[in-house]
Each structure stands twice: as C-alpha cells, then as structure tokens.
C-alpha atoms as a PDB file:
ATOM      1  CA  MET A   1      -0.041  -0.042   0.022  1.00  0.00           C
ATOM      2  CA  SER A   2       1.378   3.407  -0.844  1.00  0.00           C
ATOM      3  CA  THR A   3       1.948   6.083   1.764  1.00  0.00           C
ATOM      4  CA  HIS A   4      -0.953   8.186   0.414  1.00  0.00           C
ATOM      5  CA  ALA A   5      -3.292   5.119   0.504  1.00  0.00           C
ATOM      6  CA  ALA A   6      -2.195   4.324   4.003  1.00  0.00           C
ATOM      7  CA  ARG A   7      -2.946   7.922   5.209  1.00  0.00           C
ATOM      8  CA  ARG A   8      -6.285   7.879   3.463  1.00  0.00           C
ATOM      9  CA  ALA A   9      -7.212   4.536   4.981  1.00  0.00           C
ATOM     10  CA  ALA A  10      -6.205   5.805   8.483  1.00  0.00           C
ATOM     11  CA  GLY A  11      -8.427   8.924   7.930  1.00  0.00           C
ATOM     12  CA  ILE A  12     -11.359   6.766   6.870  1.00  0.00           C
ATOM     13  CA  GLY A  13     -10.878   4.592   9.945  1.00  0.00           C
ATOM     14  CA  ALA A  14     -10.978   7.656  12.220  1.00  0.00           C
ATOM     15  CA  VAL A  15     -14.217   8.864  10.596  1.00  0.00           C
ATOM     16  CA  ALA A  16     -15.680   5.345  10.777  1.00  0.00           C
ATOM     17  CA  LEU A  17     -14.938   5.141  14.504  1.00  0.00           C
ATOM     18  CA  GLY A  18     -16.718   8.512  15.017  1.00  0.00           C
ATOM     19  CA  LEU A  19     -13.542  10.291  16.196  1.00  0.00           C
ATOM     20  CA  ALA A  20     -14.075  14.065  15.983  1.00  0.00           C
ATOM     21  CA  PRO A  21     -11.231  16.552  15.405  1.00  0.00           C
ATOM     22  CA  ALA A  22      -9.756  17.944  18.564  1.00  0.00           C
ATOM     23  CA  CYS A  23     -11.297  21.332  17.863  1.00  0.00           C
ATOM     24  CA  ALA A  24     -14.923  20.049  17.575  1.00  0.00           C
ATOM     25  CA  ARG A  25     -17.354  21.261  20.157  1.00  0.00           C
ATOM     26  CA  PRO A  26     -19.568  18.790  21.946  1.00  0.00           C
ATOM     27  CA  ALA A  27     -23.315  18.950  21.168  1.00  0.00           C
ATOM     28  CA  PRO A  28     -25.254  21.356  23.350  1.00  0.00           C
ATOM     29  CA  ARG A  29     -26.821  19.730  26.459  1.00  0.00           C
ATOM     30  CA  SER A  30     -29.868  20.568  28.633  1.00  0.00           C
ATOM     31  CA  HIS A  31     -29.447  21.110  32.353  1.00  0.00           C
ATOM     32  CA  PRO A  32     -32.421  21.122  34.858  1.00  0.00           C
ATOM     33  CA  VAL A  33     -32.591  23.466  37.860  1.00  0.00           C
ATOM     34  CA  GLU A  34     -35.456  22.477  40.185  1.00  0.00           C
ATOM     35  CA  ILE A  35     -37.148  25.099  42.249  1.00  0.00           C
ATOM     36  CA  ARG A  36     -38.147  23.360  45.407  1.00  0.00           C
ATOM     37  CA  GLY A  37     -38.593  24.397  48.984  1.00  0.00           C
ATOM     38  CA  PHE A  38     -37.945  28.062  48.057  1.00  0.00           C
ATOM     39  CA  ALA A  39     -34.429  27.202  46.674  1.00  0.00           C
ATOM     40  CA  TYR A  40     -32.794  26.589  43.369  1.00  0.00           C
ATOM     41  CA  LEU A  41     -31.305  23.022  43.108  1.00  0.00           C
ATOM     42  CA  PRO A  42     -28.462  22.983  42.329  1.00  0.00           C
ATOM     43  CA  ALA A  43     -27.755  26.419  43.726  1.00  0.00           C
ATOM     44  CA  THR A  44     -24.721  26.743  41.391  1.00  0.00           C
ATOM     45  CA  LEU A  45     -24.714  25.199  37.906  1.00  0.00           C
ATOM     46  CA  GLU A  46     -21.780  25.212  35.446  1.00  0.00           C
ATOM     47  CA  VAL A  47     -22.678  24.823  31.767  1.00  0.00           C
ATOM     48  CA  ALA A  48     -20.989  25.296  28.376  1.00  0.00           C
ATOM     49  CA  ALA A  49     -21.948  28.227  26.066  1.00  0.00           C
ATOM     50  CA  GLY A  50     -24.716  26.987  23.895  1.00  0.00           C
ATOM     51  CA  ASP A  51     -26.270  24.656  26.519  1.00  0.00           C
ATOM     52  CA  THR A  52     -29.883  25.078  27.644  1.00  0.00           C
ATOM     53  CA  VAL A  53     -30.792  25.557  31.326  1.00  0.00           C
ATOM     54  CA  VAL A  54     -34.335  24.567  32.279  1.00  0.00           C
ATOM     55  CA  TRP A  55     -35.836  25.921  35.540  1.00  0.00           C
ATOM     56  CA  ILE A  56     -38.696  23.761  36.668  1.00  0.00           C
ATOM     57  CA  ASN A  57     -40.926  25.009  39.540  1.00  0.00           C
ATOM     58  CA  ARG A  58     -41.809  22.213  41.952  1.00  0.00           C
ATOM     59  CA  ASP A  59     -43.353  24.624  44.622  1.00  0.00           C
ATOM     60  CA  VAL A  60     -46.915  25.555  44.806  1.00  0.00           C
ATOM     61  CA  VAL A  61     -46.300  29.283  44.487  1.00  0.00           C
ATOM     62  CA  PRO A  62     -44.820  31.107  41.448  1.00  0.00           C
ATOM     63  CA  HIS A  63     -41.145  31.974  41.220  1.00  0.00           C
ATOM     64  CA  THR A  64     -38.764  33.659  38.809  1.00  0.00           C
ATOM     65  CA  ALA A  65     -35.215  33.206  37.601  1.00  0.00           C
ATOM     66  CA  THR A  66     -34.000  36.805  37.276  1.00  0.00           C
ATOM     67  CA  ARG A  67     -30.332  37.607  36.575  1.00  0.00           C
ATOM     68  CA  ASP A  68     -28.832  40.374  38.601  1.00  0.00           C
ATOM     69  CA  GLY A  69     -29.310  43.611  36.640  1.00  0.00           C
ATOM     70  CA  ARG A  70     -32.229  41.974  34.932  1.00  0.00           C
ATOM     71  CA  ARG A  71     -30.024  40.882  31.979  1.00  0.00           C
ATOM     72  CA  TRP A  72     -32.407  37.963  31.678  1.00  0.00           C
ATOM     73  CA  ASP A  73     -35.725  37.316  33.472  1.00  0.00           C
ATOM     74  CA  SER A  74     -38.000  34.294  33.218  1.00  0.00           C
ATOM     75  CA  GLY A  75     -41.113  36.162  34.347  1.00  0.00           C
ATOM     76  CA  SER A  76     -43.428  34.268  36.581  1.00  0.00           C
ATOM     77  CA  ILE A  77     -42.895  30.487  36.469  1.00  0.00           C
ATOM     78  CA  ASN A  78     -46.020  28.854  37.915  1.00  0.00           C
ATOM     79  CA  ALA A  79     -46.211  25.574  39.780  1.00  0.00           C
ATOM     80  CA  GLU A  80     -45.104  22.639  37.646  1.00  0.00           C
ATOM     81  CA  GLN A  81     -44.183  24.900  34.772  1.00  0.00           C
ATOM     82  CA  ALA A  82     -40.673  25.488  33.291  1.00  0.00           C
ATOM     83  CA  TRP A  83     -38.606  28.142  31.641  1.00  0.00           C
ATOM     84  CA  ARG A  84     -35.606  27.706  29.323  1.00  0.00           C
ATOM     85  CA  LEU A  85     -32.626  29.796  28.678  1.00  0.00           C
ATOM     86  CA  VAL A  86     -29.784  29.119  26.207  1.00  0.00           C
ATOM     87  CA  ALA A  87     -26.608  30.144  27.948  1.00  0.00           C
ATOM     88  CA  THR A  88     -24.597  32.376  25.553  1.00  0.00           C
ATOM     89  CA  SER A  89     -22.560  34.815  27.732  1.00  0.00           C
ATOM     90  CA  PRO A  90     -19.572  33.338  29.398  1.00  0.00           C
ATOM     91  CA  GLY A  91     -18.946  34.110  33.042  1.00  0.00           C
ATOM     92  CA  SER A  92     -20.625  33.990  36.376  1.00  0.00           C
ATOM     93  CA  GLN A  93     -24.296  34.940  36.359  1.00  0.00           C
ATOM     94  CA  PRO A  94     -25.906  35.368  39.854  1.00  0.00           C
ATOM     95  CA  TYR A  95     -29.688  35.241  39.739  1.00  0.00           C
ATOM     96  CA  TYR A  96     -32.590  35.511  42.176  1.00  0.00           C
ATOM     97  CA  CYS A  97     -36.417  35.127  42.485  1.00  0.00           C
ATOM     98  CA  ALA A  98     -38.018  38.512  42.026  1.00  0.00           C
ATOM     99  CA  PHE A  99     -40.944  37.415  44.330  1.00  0.00           C
ATOM    100  CA  HIS A 100     -38.573  35.952  46.985  1.00  0.00           C
ATOM    101  CA  PRO A 101     -35.235  37.772  46.817  1.00  0.00           C
ATOM    102  CA  VAL A 102     -33.664  35.609  49.412  1.00  0.00           C
ATOM    103  CA  MET A 103     -33.749  32.753  46.882  1.00  0.00           C
ATOM    104  CA  ARG A 104     -30.307  33.055  45.130  1.00  0.00           C
ATOM    105  CA  GLY A 105     -28.621  30.949  42.491  1.00  0.00           C
ATOM    106  CA  LYS A 106     -25.575  31.168  40.133  1.00  0.00           C
ATOM    107  CA  LEU A 107     -25.189  30.046  36.609  1.00  0.00           C
ATOM    108  CA  VAL A 108     -21.505  29.703  35.395  1.00  0.00           C
ATOM    109  CA  VAL A 109     -21.112  29.658  31.718  1.00  0.00           C
ATOM    110  CA  ARG A 110     -17.740  28.338  30.304  1.00  0.00           C
END
C-alpha cells in the first residue's frame, strides 16, 4: 500500500470510529434546575456556552429566575411549569427570584 493510500485509510478509519477533530465542540446539552422548597437545586450550575438551562418550579407558588441587573428574566414560572434559557454569555451569572429575593442561584457559563 502506498503512503498516500495508508494515510487515506487511516483517515477513513478515524471517521468510521466516530472520532471528531480535537477542535470540535460537543453537542449542546440541557441542564435542569429544580425550584423546590424556596431554593434553586443545584444552587450553582456550570454549563458550556450553547447549553440550555431549564428551571422547573416544583413549589406551589410562582417563582422567577432573574439575573442580577435583569439581563435575563423568566417572568413568573407557575407551579409545575418550566422556563428555558440558552446560555450564551460566558462568566458567572448570579440570579434570584423577584418574588422571593432571598432565593439566590448562580449560573456559570464556560
């Protein structure tokens, strides 16, 4: 087998095995945050840019997920309802419930 043919066969083998180039980004993921007992669970969540965060209200009263400075705001999330946010801005993003300001959480976007 020629050197060119050997390189080509190796490349085809890598593709067939599903190996991605080192620079490829993983597919976006979804991450739940439960609102339960007047708390965000987990209180701190680390995600990759492009991932979706889903806040799910398990309490019987409405809550919000409101970023400090109101850079994003879910509005009222009623009992057993959810709100989604695609995380795009890297960094630490503290948030709170506008109805219950003692409820605090943090989203960390890599």
